Amino acid sequence: MAGKSSKNNKQIEAERGTARKQRAAQILFAIFAIILILSMVLSAVASY
């Protein structure tokens, strides 16, 4: 019983780590997208 519980806990911790990495990747992508959009808007305003 104890061995099975330990195995489940390790699996849950691994899934949390994966979810955390995925969330960090989403945040980085969002920041990159916002910077890109602001760059394009600034370029359009500067050329207008």
Protein backbone atom coordinates (compact mmCIF):
# COMPACT_ATOMS: atom_id res chain seq x y z
CA MET A 1 0.00 0.00 0.00
CA ALA A 2 2.66 2.51 1.02
CA GLY A 3 4.69 1.82 -2.12
CA LYS A 4 1.68 2.41 -4.33
CA SER A 5 0.87 5.69 -2.58
CA SER A 6 4.46 6.86 -3.00
CA LYS A 7 4.34 6.05 -6.70
CA ASN A 8 1.10 8.00 -7.10
CA ASN A 9 2.58 10.99 -5.27
CA LYS A 10 5.61 11.00 -7.57
CA GLN A 11 3.33 10.88 -10.62
CA ILE A 12 1.23 13.77 -9.29
CA GLU A 13 4.37 15.84 -8.60
CA ALA A 14 5.64 15.14 -12.13
CA GLU A 15 2.31 16.27 -13.59
CA ARG A 16 2.44 19.47 -11.52
CA GLY A 17 5.94 20.17 -12.80
CA THR A 18 4.76 19.67 -16.38
CA ALA A 19 1.76 21.93 -15.83
CA ARG A 20 4.01 24.58 -14.29
CA LYS A 21 6.39 24.46 -17.27
CA GLN A 22 3.46 24.65 -19.67
CA ARG A 23 2.06 27.68 -17.83
CA ALA A 24 5.47 29.39 -17.90
CA ALA A 25 5.73 28.75 -21.65
CA GLN A 26 2.27 30.27 -22.17
CA ILE A 27 3.21 33.38 -20.19
CA LEU A 28 6.46 33.78 -22.14
CA PHE A 29 4.58 33.42 -25.41
CA ALA A 30 2.00 36.00 -24.33
CA ILE A 31 4.75 38.48 -23.39
CA PHE A 32 6.47 37.89 -26.73
CA ALA A 33 3.18 38.41 -28.60
CA ILE A 34 2.44 41.65 -26.74
CA ILE A 35 5.93 43.00 -27.48
CA LEU A 36 5.53 42.07 -31.15
CA ILE A 37 2.12 43.76 -31.39
CA LEU A 38 3.37 46.90 -29.64
CA SER A 39 6.34 46.97 -32.00
CA MET A 40 4.08 46.79 -35.05
CA VAL A 41 1.75 49.49 -33.69
CA LEU A 42 4.70 51.76 -32.89
CA SER A 43 6.09 51.20 -36.38
CA ALA A 44 2.73 52.03 -37.95
CA VAL A 45 2.37 55.19 -35.84
CA ALA A 46 5.93 56.29 -36.63
CA SER A 47 5.43 55.89 -40.38
CA TYR A 48 2.05 57.66 -40.30
